């Protein structure tokens, strides 16, 4: 038997279970499966002259341009490290299916200390599915987020399944479904 769904709420209304429309909007967006990435960078220098390694788990990442090579990440303004990222080189680390604990670590549920790699431009995480080291290109107002565009100066990838997020849960995209470059 196929369950019937009720129509979406009208603009300005609340969902049928009384939640605000914003919650319904977030749930609607959650139906779009995304990859999971961590943006890493060195924060401001301390009194000892050392920058603290920072990371932010994101699922809003996209390519922007092939020439020059540009990528975009969307960072919530409420994120602790939001202001520290502005104007700093960063790396977008795409996570493999086995790296859910790493995603949670940088989403505010700390686990074991991650293994860092000294990138040529910005720090990155060890054994990720792919990475893009970036120099800052531009930052744009995106409402309650900032859209950071970076020029890719180094990148690489490895084989493996991708970690994805959909319907408020982690899932896996098998590598066999990732090889679409022939189609694009």
N, C-alpha and C. Protein backbone atom coordinates (compact mmCIF):
# COMPACT_ATOMS: atom_id res chain seq x y z
N UNK A 1 0.84 -1.18 0.00
CA UNK A 1 0.00 0.00 0.00
C UNK A 1 0.89 1.24 0.00
N UNK A 2 0.58 2.19 -0.85
CA UNK A 2 1.32 3.44 -0.92
C UNK A 2 0.63 4.45 -0.02
N UNK A 3 1.41 5.02 0.88
CA UNK A 3 0.86 6.03 1.78
C UNK A 3 0.68 7.33 1.02
N UNK A 4 -0.44 7.97 1.24
CA UNK A 4 -0.69 9.27 0.62
C UNK A 4 -0.07 10.35 1.49
N UNK A 5 0.56 11.28 0.82
CA UNK A 5 1.12 12.40 1.58
C UNK A 5 0.19 13.59 1.45
N UNK A 6 0.20 14.41 2.46
CA UNK A 6 -0.64 15.60 2.41
C UNK A 6 0.09 16.67 1.61
N UNK A 7 -0.64 17.60 1.02
CA UNK A 7 0.02 18.66 0.24
C UNK A 7 0.89 19.52 1.14
N UNK A 8 1.92 20.14 0.56
CA UNK A 8 2.77 21.02 1.38
C UNK A 8 1.98 22.20 1.91
N UNK A 9 2.41 22.77 3.02
CA UNK A 9 1.71 23.92 3.58
C UNK A 9 1.74 25.11 2.63
N UNK A 10 0.76 25.93 2.71
CA UNK A 10 0.70 27.16 1.91
C UNK A 10 1.71 28.15 2.46
N UNK A 11 2.20 29.08 1.61
CA UNK A 11 3.14 30.10 2.09
C UNK A 11 2.59 30.85 3.29
N UNK A 12 3.44 31.05 4.29
CA UNK A 12 3.05 31.80 5.48
C UNK A 12 2.36 30.96 6.52
N UNK A 13 2.10 29.68 6.26
CA UNK A 13 1.40 28.83 7.22
C UNK A 13 2.41 27.95 7.96
N UNK A 14 1.90 27.13 8.85
CA UNK A 14 2.75 26.15 9.53
C UNK A 14 2.41 24.78 8.99
N UNK A 15 3.31 23.82 9.22
CA UNK A 15 3.04 22.46 8.76
C UNK A 15 1.89 21.87 9.56
N UNK A 16 1.35 20.75 9.10
CA UNK A 16 0.17 20.18 9.74
C UNK A 16 0.44 19.70 11.16
N UNK A 17 1.69 19.54 11.54
CA UNK A 17 1.98 19.13 12.91
C UNK A 17 2.38 20.32 13.78
N UNK A 18 2.15 21.52 13.27
CA UNK A 18 2.33 22.72 14.07
C UNK A 18 3.74 23.28 14.12
N UNK A 19 4.66 22.71 13.39
CA UNK A 19 6.02 23.26 13.38
C UNK A 19 6.06 24.49 12.49
N UNK A 20 6.96 25.42 12.78
CA UNK A 20 7.05 26.61 11.92
C UNK A 20 7.43 26.25 10.49
N UNK A 21 7.06 27.10 9.59
CA UNK A 21 7.35 26.88 8.17
C UNK A 21 8.84 26.69 7.91
N UNK A 22 9.68 27.37 8.67
CA UNK A 22 11.13 27.23 8.48
C UNK A 22 11.56 25.77 8.69
N UNK A 23 10.96 25.09 9.64
CA UNK A 23 11.29 23.69 9.87
C UNK A 23 10.89 22.85 8.65
N UNK A 24 9.75 23.15 8.08
CA UNK A 24 9.29 22.42 6.89
C UNK A 24 10.22 22.71 5.70
N UNK A 25 10.66 23.94 5.59
CA UNK A 25 11.60 24.30 4.51
C UNK A 25 12.89 23.50 4.66
N UNK A 26 13.42 23.43 5.89
CA UNK A 26 14.65 22.67 6.14
C UNK A 26 14.42 21.19 5.80
N UNK A 27 13.30 20.64 6.18
CA UNK A 27 12.98 19.25 5.88
C UNK A 27 12.87 19.01 4.38
N UNK A 28 12.30 19.97 3.68
CA UNK A 28 12.19 19.85 2.22
C UNK A 28 13.57 19.85 1.58
N UNK A 29 14.45 20.72 2.04
CA UNK A 29 15.82 20.75 1.52
C UNK A 29 16.55 19.45 1.83
N UNK A 30 16.24 18.85 2.96
CA UNK A 30 16.89 17.61 3.38
C UNK A 30 16.60 16.43 2.48
N UNK A 31 15.62 16.56 1.60
CA UNK A 31 15.30 15.48 0.66
C UNK A 31 16.32 15.40 -0.47
N UNK A 32 17.14 16.43 -0.60
CA UNK A 32 18.19 16.45 -1.62
C UNK A 32 19.44 15.85 -1.00
N UNK A 33 19.87 14.69 -1.49
CA UNK A 33 21.07 14.04 -0.97
C UNK A 33 22.31 14.86 -1.34
N UNK A 34 23.19 15.05 -0.38
CA UNK A 34 24.43 15.78 -0.62
C UNK A 34 25.61 14.98 -0.12
N UNK A 35 26.76 15.30 -0.64
CA UNK A 35 27.98 14.75 -0.08
C UNK A 35 28.27 15.45 1.23
N UNK A 36 29.23 14.92 1.96
CA UNK A 36 29.62 15.52 3.24
C UNK A 36 31.09 15.92 3.13
N UNK A 37 31.38 17.15 3.53
CA UNK A 37 32.74 17.67 3.45
C UNK A 37 33.10 18.39 4.74
N UNK A 38 34.38 18.58 4.94
CA UNK A 38 34.88 19.36 6.07
C UNK A 38 35.79 20.44 5.50
N UNK A 39 35.51 21.68 5.85
CA UNK A 39 36.36 22.81 5.46
C UNK A 39 37.38 22.98 6.57
N UNK A 40 38.67 22.91 6.22
CA UNK A 40 39.74 23.05 7.21
C UNK A 40 40.60 24.26 6.89
N UNK A 41 41.13 24.87 7.94
CA UNK A 41 41.99 26.05 7.78
C UNK A 41 42.72 26.30 9.08
N UNK A 42 43.74 27.14 9.03
CA UNK A 42 44.43 27.57 10.24
C UNK A 42 43.76 28.84 10.74
N UNK A 43 43.34 28.82 12.00
CA UNK A 43 42.72 30.00 12.61
C UNK A 43 43.76 31.05 12.95
N UNK A 44 43.32 32.13 13.60
CA UNK A 44 44.24 33.21 13.96
C UNK A 44 45.38 32.71 14.84
N UNK A 45 46.52 33.35 14.71
CA UNK A 45 47.69 32.97 15.49
C UNK A 45 47.49 33.31 16.96
N UNK A 46 47.98 32.44 17.82
CA UNK A 46 47.94 32.67 19.26
C UNK A 46 49.13 33.54 19.66
N UNK A 47 49.25 33.81 20.95
CA UNK A 47 50.38 34.61 21.46
C UNK A 47 51.71 33.95 21.13
N UNK A 48 51.70 32.61 21.00
CA UNK A 48 52.92 31.87 20.66
C UNK A 48 53.20 31.89 19.17
N UNK A 49 52.30 32.51 18.39
CA UNK A 49 52.49 32.60 16.94
C UNK A 49 51.93 31.42 16.17
N UNK A 50 51.25 30.50 16.85
CA UNK A 50 50.69 29.32 16.18
C UNK A 50 49.20 29.49 15.93
N UNK A 51 48.74 29.10 14.75
CA UNK A 51 47.32 29.13 14.44
C UNK A 51 46.68 27.82 14.86
N UNK A 52 45.48 27.90 15.39
CA UNK A 52 44.77 26.70 15.79
C UNK A 52 44.07 26.09 14.58
N UNK A 53 44.24 24.80 14.40
CA UNK A 53 43.58 24.08 13.31
C UNK A 53 42.07 24.12 13.53
N UNK A 54 41.34 24.42 12.46
CA UNK A 54 39.89 24.53 12.54
C UNK A 54 39.28 23.67 11.45
N UNK A 55 38.07 23.19 11.71
CA UNK A 55 37.32 22.44 10.72
C UNK A 55 35.84 22.63 10.93
N UNK A 56 35.09 22.66 9.84
CA UNK A 56 33.65 22.85 9.87
C UNK A 56 33.02 21.82 8.93
N UNK A 57 32.12 20.98 9.45
CA UNK A 57 31.42 20.02 8.61
C UNK A 57 30.36 20.75 7.80
N UNK A 58 30.34 20.50 6.49
CA UNK A 58 29.39 21.15 5.59
C UNK A 58 28.79 20.13 4.62
N UNK A 59 27.63 20.47 4.10
CA UNK A 59 27.09 19.70 2.98
C UNK A 59 26.69 20.64 1.85
N UNK A 60 27.02 21.92 1.99
CA UNK A 60 26.77 22.90 0.93
C UNK A 60 28.10 23.22 0.26
N UNK A 61 28.41 22.45 -0.76
CA UNK A 61 29.66 22.57 -1.51
C UNK A 61 29.35 22.35 -2.98
N UNK A 62 29.94 23.16 -3.84
CA UNK A 62 29.72 22.97 -5.27
C UNK A 62 30.88 23.54 -6.07
N UNK A 63 31.04 23.03 -7.27
CA UNK A 63 32.00 23.63 -8.19
C UNK A 63 31.35 24.88 -8.78
N UNK A 64 32.17 25.86 -9.12
CA UNK A 64 31.67 27.11 -9.68
C UNK A 64 32.20 27.30 -11.10
N UNK A 65 33.49 27.04 -11.30
CA UNK A 65 34.12 27.34 -12.58
C UNK A 65 35.28 26.38 -12.82
N UNK A 66 35.48 26.02 -14.09
CA UNK A 66 36.64 25.20 -14.46
C UNK A 66 37.85 26.08 -14.76
N UNK A 67 37.62 27.28 -15.30
CA UNK A 67 38.72 28.18 -15.64
C UNK A 67 38.35 29.60 -15.27
N UNK A 68 38.86 30.15 -14.20
CA UNK A 68 39.76 29.50 -13.27
C UNK A 68 39.01 28.44 -12.45
N UNK A 69 39.74 27.48 -11.84
CA UNK A 69 39.06 26.47 -11.04
C UNK A 69 38.57 27.06 -9.72
N UNK A 70 37.26 27.17 -9.58
CA UNK A 70 36.65 27.76 -8.38
C UNK A 70 35.64 26.80 -7.77
N UNK A 71 35.60 26.78 -6.43
CA UNK A 71 34.59 26.03 -5.69
C UNK A 71 33.95 26.96 -4.66
N UNK A 72 32.78 26.57 -4.16
CA UNK A 72 32.04 27.38 -3.20
C UNK A 72 31.60 26.52 -2.03
N UNK A 73 31.73 27.06 -0.83
CA UNK A 73 31.18 26.45 0.38
C UNK A 73 30.31 27.49 1.07
N UNK A 74 29.22 27.02 1.64
CA UNK A 74 28.28 27.88 2.36
C UNK A 74 28.44 27.59 3.84
N UNK A 75 28.81 28.63 4.61
CA UNK A 75 29.09 28.47 6.04
C UNK A 75 28.09 29.30 6.85
N UNK A 76 27.42 28.65 7.79
CA UNK A 76 26.45 29.33 8.65
C UNK A 76 27.15 30.39 9.49
N UNK A 77 26.54 31.57 9.56
CA UNK A 77 27.11 32.66 10.36
C UNK A 77 27.18 32.29 11.84
N UNK A 78 26.31 31.40 12.31
CA UNK A 78 26.28 31.00 13.72
C UNK A 78 27.42 30.05 14.08
N UNK A 79 28.13 29.53 13.08
CA UNK A 79 29.25 28.62 13.32
C UNK A 79 30.37 29.37 14.03
N UNK A 80 30.94 28.76 15.07
CA UNK A 80 32.00 29.41 15.85
C UNK A 80 33.15 29.91 14.99
N UNK A 81 33.56 29.12 14.02
CA UNK A 81 34.73 29.47 13.21
C UNK A 81 34.39 30.31 11.98
N UNK A 82 33.13 30.69 11.82
CA UNK A 82 32.69 31.43 10.62
C UNK A 82 33.57 32.65 10.34
N UNK A 83 33.72 33.53 11.31
CA UNK A 83 34.46 34.77 11.10
C UNK A 83 35.95 34.53 10.88
N UNK A 84 36.47 33.44 11.45
CA UNK A 84 37.90 33.15 11.31
C UNK A 84 38.26 32.70 9.89
N UNK A 85 37.31 32.17 9.15
CA UNK A 85 37.59 31.67 7.80
C UNK A 85 37.78 32.81 6.81
N UNK A 86 37.14 33.93 7.04
CA UNK A 86 37.18 35.05 6.10
C UNK A 86 38.61 35.45 5.73
N UNK A 87 38.93 35.40 4.44
CA UNK A 87 40.24 35.81 3.95
C UNK A 87 41.36 34.81 4.13
N UNK A 88 41.06 33.62 4.63
CA UNK A 88 42.10 32.62 4.88
C UNK A 88 42.06 31.51 3.83
N UNK A 89 43.23 30.98 3.47
CA UNK A 89 43.26 29.78 2.62
C UNK A 89 42.53 28.64 3.34
N UNK A 90 41.88 27.78 2.58
CA UNK A 90 41.14 26.67 3.18
C UNK A 90 41.19 25.46 2.27
N UNK A 91 40.86 24.31 2.85
CA UNK A 91 40.76 23.06 2.09
C UNK A 91 39.37 22.49 2.28
N UNK A 92 38.77 22.05 1.18
CA UNK A 92 37.51 21.32 1.24
C UNK A 92 37.89 19.84 1.16
N UNK A 93 37.55 19.09 2.22
CA UNK A 93 37.85 17.67 2.33
C UNK A 93 36.57 16.88 2.12
N UNK A 94 36.47 16.11 1.05
CA UNK A 94 35.29 15.30 0.76
C UNK A 94 35.45 13.97 1.48
N UNK A 95 34.44 13.57 2.26
CA UNK A 95 34.58 12.40 3.11
C UNK A 95 34.16 11.10 2.43
N UNK A 96 34.90 10.05 2.76
CA UNK A 96 34.55 8.70 2.35
C UNK A 96 33.48 8.15 3.28
N UNK A 97 32.81 7.09 2.82
CA UNK A 97 31.70 6.50 3.58
C UNK A 97 32.09 6.08 4.98
N UNK A 98 33.34 5.71 5.18
CA UNK A 98 33.81 5.24 6.48
C UNK A 98 34.19 6.39 7.42
N UNK A 99 33.99 7.63 7.03
CA UNK A 99 34.46 8.77 7.81
C UNK A 99 33.35 9.55 8.52
N UNK A 100 32.27 8.88 8.86
CA UNK A 100 31.15 9.53 9.56
C UNK A 100 31.60 10.11 10.90
N UNK A 101 32.45 9.41 11.62
CA UNK A 101 32.93 9.91 12.92
C UNK A 101 33.69 11.22 12.75
N UNK A 102 34.42 11.36 11.65
CA UNK A 102 35.14 12.59 11.36
C UNK A 102 34.15 13.73 11.11
N UNK A 103 33.08 13.45 10.38
CA UNK A 103 32.04 14.45 10.14
C UNK A 103 31.44 14.93 11.46
N UNK A 104 31.16 13.99 12.35
CA UNK A 104 30.58 14.35 13.65
C UNK A 104 31.57 15.14 14.51
N UNK A 105 32.85 14.79 14.43
CA UNK A 105 33.88 15.49 15.21
C UNK A 105 33.84 16.99 14.90
N UNK A 106 33.77 17.34 13.61
CA UNK A 106 33.79 18.74 13.23
C UNK A 106 32.41 19.38 13.21
N UNK A 107 31.38 18.60 13.55
CA UNK A 107 30.03 19.13 13.68
C UNK A 107 29.69 19.40 15.15
N UNK A 108 30.68 19.28 16.03
CA UNK A 108 30.46 19.62 17.43
C UNK A 108 30.35 18.44 18.37
N UNK A 109 30.60 17.24 17.88
CA UNK A 109 30.60 16.04 18.73
C UNK A 109 31.99 15.42 18.67
N UNK A 110 32.95 16.02 19.38
CA UNK A 110 34.35 15.60 19.28
C UNK A 110 34.56 14.12 19.56
N UNK A 111 35.44 13.56 18.75
CA UNK A 111 35.88 12.17 18.91
C UNK A 111 37.39 12.19 18.96
N UNK A 112 38.00 11.09 18.53
CA UNK A 112 39.46 11.05 18.51
C UNK A 112 40.02 12.18 17.65
N UNK A 113 41.20 12.66 18.03
CA UNK A 113 41.83 13.75 17.28
C UNK A 113 42.11 13.26 15.85
N UNK A 114 41.70 14.06 14.85
CA UNK A 114 41.92 13.64 13.46
C UNK A 114 43.40 13.72 13.08
N UNK A 115 43.75 13.02 12.01
CA UNK A 115 45.11 13.08 11.48
C UNK A 115 45.17 14.18 10.44
N UNK A 116 46.03 15.16 10.68
CA UNK A 116 46.18 16.30 9.80
C UNK A 116 47.31 16.09 8.81
N UNK A 117 47.21 16.71 7.65
CA UNK A 117 48.25 16.71 6.63
C UNK A 117 48.59 18.17 6.35
N UNK A 118 49.88 18.48 6.29
CA UNK A 118 50.30 19.84 5.96
C UNK A 118 50.12 20.05 4.46
N UNK A 119 49.09 20.75 4.07
CA UNK A 119 48.91 21.07 2.67
C UNK A 119 49.82 22.21 2.28
N UNK A 120 49.99 22.42 0.99
CA UNK A 120 50.82 23.51 0.52
C UNK A 120 50.18 24.87 0.74
N UNK A 121 48.85 24.90 0.84
CA UNK A 121 48.12 26.16 0.99
C UNK A 121 47.40 26.25 2.33
N UNK A 122 46.76 25.14 2.71
CA UNK A 122 45.98 25.08 3.95
C UNK A 122 46.03 23.64 4.46
N UNK A 123 45.82 23.44 5.76
CA UNK A 123 45.85 22.08 6.28
C UNK A 123 44.69 21.26 5.72
N UNK A 124 44.90 19.96 5.63
CA UNK A 124 43.83 19.07 5.19
C UNK A 124 43.83 17.83 6.06
N UNK A 125 42.84 16.99 5.87
CA UNK A 125 42.69 15.79 6.68
C UNK A 125 43.20 14.58 5.91
N UNK A 126 43.76 13.64 6.64
CA UNK A 126 44.34 12.44 6.05
C UNK A 126 43.25 11.49 5.54
N UNK A 127 43.54 10.84 4.43
CA UNK A 127 42.72 9.74 3.89
C UNK A 127 41.32 10.11 3.46
N UNK A 128 41.08 11.38 3.14
CA UNK A 128 39.75 11.77 2.66
C UNK A 128 39.56 11.28 1.23
N UNK A 129 38.31 11.26 0.78
CA UNK A 129 37.99 10.76 -0.57
C UNK A 129 38.55 11.70 -1.64
N UNK A 130 38.48 12.98 -1.40
CA UNK A 130 39.04 14.00 -2.31
C UNK A 130 39.30 15.26 -1.50
N UNK A 131 40.18 16.10 -2.01
CA UNK A 131 40.41 17.39 -1.35
C UNK A 131 40.69 18.45 -2.41
N UNK A 132 40.39 19.70 -2.01
CA UNK A 132 40.60 20.88 -2.84
C UNK A 132 41.22 21.96 -1.96
N UNK A 133 42.52 22.23 -2.14
CA UNK A 133 43.15 23.32 -1.40
C UNK A 133 42.86 24.62 -2.15
N UNK A 134 42.44 25.65 -1.42
CA UNK A 134 41.96 26.88 -2.05
C UNK A 134 42.58 28.13 -1.45
N UNK A 135 42.76 29.10 -2.32
CA UNK A 135 43.07 30.46 -1.91
C UNK A 135 41.75 31.23 -1.95
N UNK A 136 41.54 32.16 -1.02
CA UNK A 136 40.28 32.92 -1.02
C UNK A 136 40.10 33.68 -2.33
N UNK A 137 38.92 33.62 -2.90
CA UNK A 137 38.59 34.32 -4.14
C UNK A 137 37.58 35.43 -3.86
N UNK A 138 36.49 35.08 -3.16
CA UNK A 138 35.45 36.06 -2.84
C UNK A 138 34.58 35.51 -1.72
N UNK A 139 33.87 36.39 -1.04
CA UNK A 139 32.88 36.01 -0.03
C UNK A 139 31.63 36.83 -0.29
N UNK A 140 30.49 36.17 -0.25
CA UNK A 140 29.21 36.82 -0.55
C UNK A 140 28.22 36.60 0.57
N UNK A 141 27.39 37.61 0.81
CA UNK A 141 26.31 37.50 1.78
C UNK A 141 25.32 36.47 1.27
N UNK A 142 24.96 35.53 2.12
CA UNK A 142 23.96 34.52 1.78
C UNK A 142 22.93 34.40 2.88
N UNK A 143 22.40 35.52 3.35
CA UNK A 143 21.41 35.47 4.43
C UNK A 143 22.07 35.08 5.74
N UNK A 144 21.64 33.95 6.31
CA UNK A 144 22.25 33.50 7.56
C UNK A 144 23.52 32.68 7.32
N UNK A 145 24.01 32.66 6.08
CA UNK A 145 25.25 32.00 5.70
C UNK A 145 26.15 32.99 4.94
N UNK A 146 27.41 32.65 4.83
CA UNK A 146 28.33 33.36 3.93
C UNK A 146 28.77 32.35 2.88
N UNK A 147 28.78 32.78 1.62
CA UNK A 147 29.21 31.95 0.52
C UNK A 147 30.68 32.26 0.24
N UNK A 148 31.56 31.34 0.60
CA UNK A 148 32.98 31.52 0.40
C UNK A 148 33.39 30.82 -0.89
N UNK A 149 33.97 31.57 -1.82
CA UNK A 149 34.46 31.01 -3.06
C UNK A 149 35.99 30.94 -2.96
N UNK A 150 36.54 29.79 -3.33
CA UNK A 150 37.98 29.62 -3.30
C UNK A 150 38.52 29.20 -4.65
N UNK A 151 39.71 29.69 -4.98
CA UNK A 151 40.39 29.26 -6.20
C UNK A 151 41.22 28.02 -5.85
N UNK A 152 40.95 26.93 -6.55
CA UNK A 152 41.62 25.66 -6.27
C UNK A 152 43.06 25.72 -6.78
N UNK A 153 44.01 25.46 -5.87
CA UNK A 153 45.43 25.47 -6.24
C UNK A 153 46.05 24.08 -6.16
N UNK A 154 45.37 23.14 -5.51
CA UNK A 154 45.81 21.75 -5.46
C UNK A 154 44.60 20.88 -5.16
N UNK A 155 44.61 19.66 -5.68
CA UNK A 155 43.50 18.74 -5.47
C UNK A 155 43.97 17.32 -5.76
N UNK A 156 43.19 16.35 -5.26
CA UNK A 156 43.45 14.95 -5.56
C UNK A 156 42.26 14.14 -5.05
N UNK A 157 42.22 12.86 -5.43
CA UNK A 157 41.17 11.97 -4.95
C UNK A 157 41.69 10.55 -4.89
N UNK A 158 40.92 9.69 -4.22
CA UNK A 158 41.23 8.26 -4.11
C UNK A 158 39.96 7.48 -4.43
N UNK A 159 40.10 6.20 -4.59
CA UNK A 159 38.94 5.34 -4.80
C UNK A 159 38.18 5.15 -3.49
N UNK A 160 36.90 4.87 -3.59
CA UNK A 160 36.11 4.57 -2.40
C UNK A 160 34.69 5.10 -2.51
N UNK A 161 33.83 4.63 -1.62
CA UNK A 161 32.45 5.09 -1.55
C UNK A 161 32.41 6.44 -0.86
N UNK A 162 31.41 7.24 -1.19
CA UNK A 162 31.27 8.59 -0.62
C UNK A 162 30.28 8.60 0.54
N UNK A 163 30.58 9.41 1.54
CA UNK A 163 29.64 9.67 2.63
C UNK A 163 28.64 10.70 2.12
N UNK A 164 27.37 10.44 2.36
CA UNK A 164 26.32 11.36 1.92
C UNK A 164 25.36 11.61 3.08
N UNK A 165 24.52 12.63 2.90
CA UNK A 165 23.54 12.99 3.92
C UNK A 165 22.22 13.27 3.23
N UNK A 166 21.16 12.62 3.70
CA UNK A 166 19.81 12.84 3.16
C UNK A 166 18.79 12.45 4.22
N UNK A 167 17.69 13.19 4.26
CA UNK A 167 16.62 12.90 5.21
C UNK A 167 17.12 12.84 6.65
N UNK A 168 18.03 13.74 7.00
CA UNK A 168 18.60 13.86 8.35
C UNK A 168 19.39 12.65 8.79
N UNK A 169 19.96 11.91 7.84
CA UNK A 169 20.75 10.73 8.19
C UNK A 169 21.91 10.57 7.21
N UNK A 170 22.98 9.95 7.71
CA UNK A 170 24.10 9.62 6.84
C UNK A 170 23.73 8.41 5.99
N UNK A 171 24.27 8.37 4.80
CA UNK A 171 24.09 7.24 3.90
C UNK A 171 25.35 7.13 3.06
N UNK A 172 25.37 6.17 2.16
CA UNK A 172 26.55 5.92 1.33
C UNK A 172 26.17 6.01 -0.14
N UNK A 173 27.04 6.63 -0.92
CA UNK A 173 26.92 6.60 -2.37
C UNK A 173 28.05 5.69 -2.86
N UNK A 174 27.70 4.51 -3.39
CA UNK A 174 28.74 3.60 -3.85
C UNK A 174 29.58 4.20 -4.98
N UNK A 175 30.87 3.90 -4.98
CA UNK A 175 31.77 4.43 -6.00
C UNK A 175 31.28 4.09 -7.40
N UNK A 176 30.65 2.95 -7.55
CA UNK A 176 30.16 2.55 -8.88
C UNK A 176 29.17 3.55 -9.45
N UNK A 177 28.56 4.38 -8.59
CA UNK A 177 27.61 5.38 -9.04
C UNK A 177 28.23 6.77 -9.16
N UNK A 178 29.52 6.87 -8.88
CA UNK A 178 30.19 8.17 -8.91
C UNK A 178 30.82 8.48 -10.26
N UNK A 179 31.02 7.49 -11.13
CA UNK A 179 31.75 7.68 -12.37
C UNK A 179 30.94 8.30 -13.49
N UNK A 180 30.44 9.49 -13.28
CA UNK A 180 29.59 10.16 -14.28
C UNK A 180 30.37 11.08 -15.17
N UNK A 181 31.71 11.18 -15.01
CA UNK A 181 32.44 12.15 -15.83
C UNK A 181 32.28 11.89 -17.32
N UNK A 182 32.04 10.60 -17.72
CA UNK A 182 31.84 10.31 -19.13
C UNK A 182 30.52 10.91 -19.65
N UNK A 183 29.56 11.08 -18.74
CA UNK A 183 28.26 11.59 -19.14
C UNK A 183 28.22 13.12 -19.18
N UNK A 184 29.08 13.75 -18.41
CA UNK A 184 29.01 15.21 -18.28
C UNK A 184 29.86 15.92 -19.30
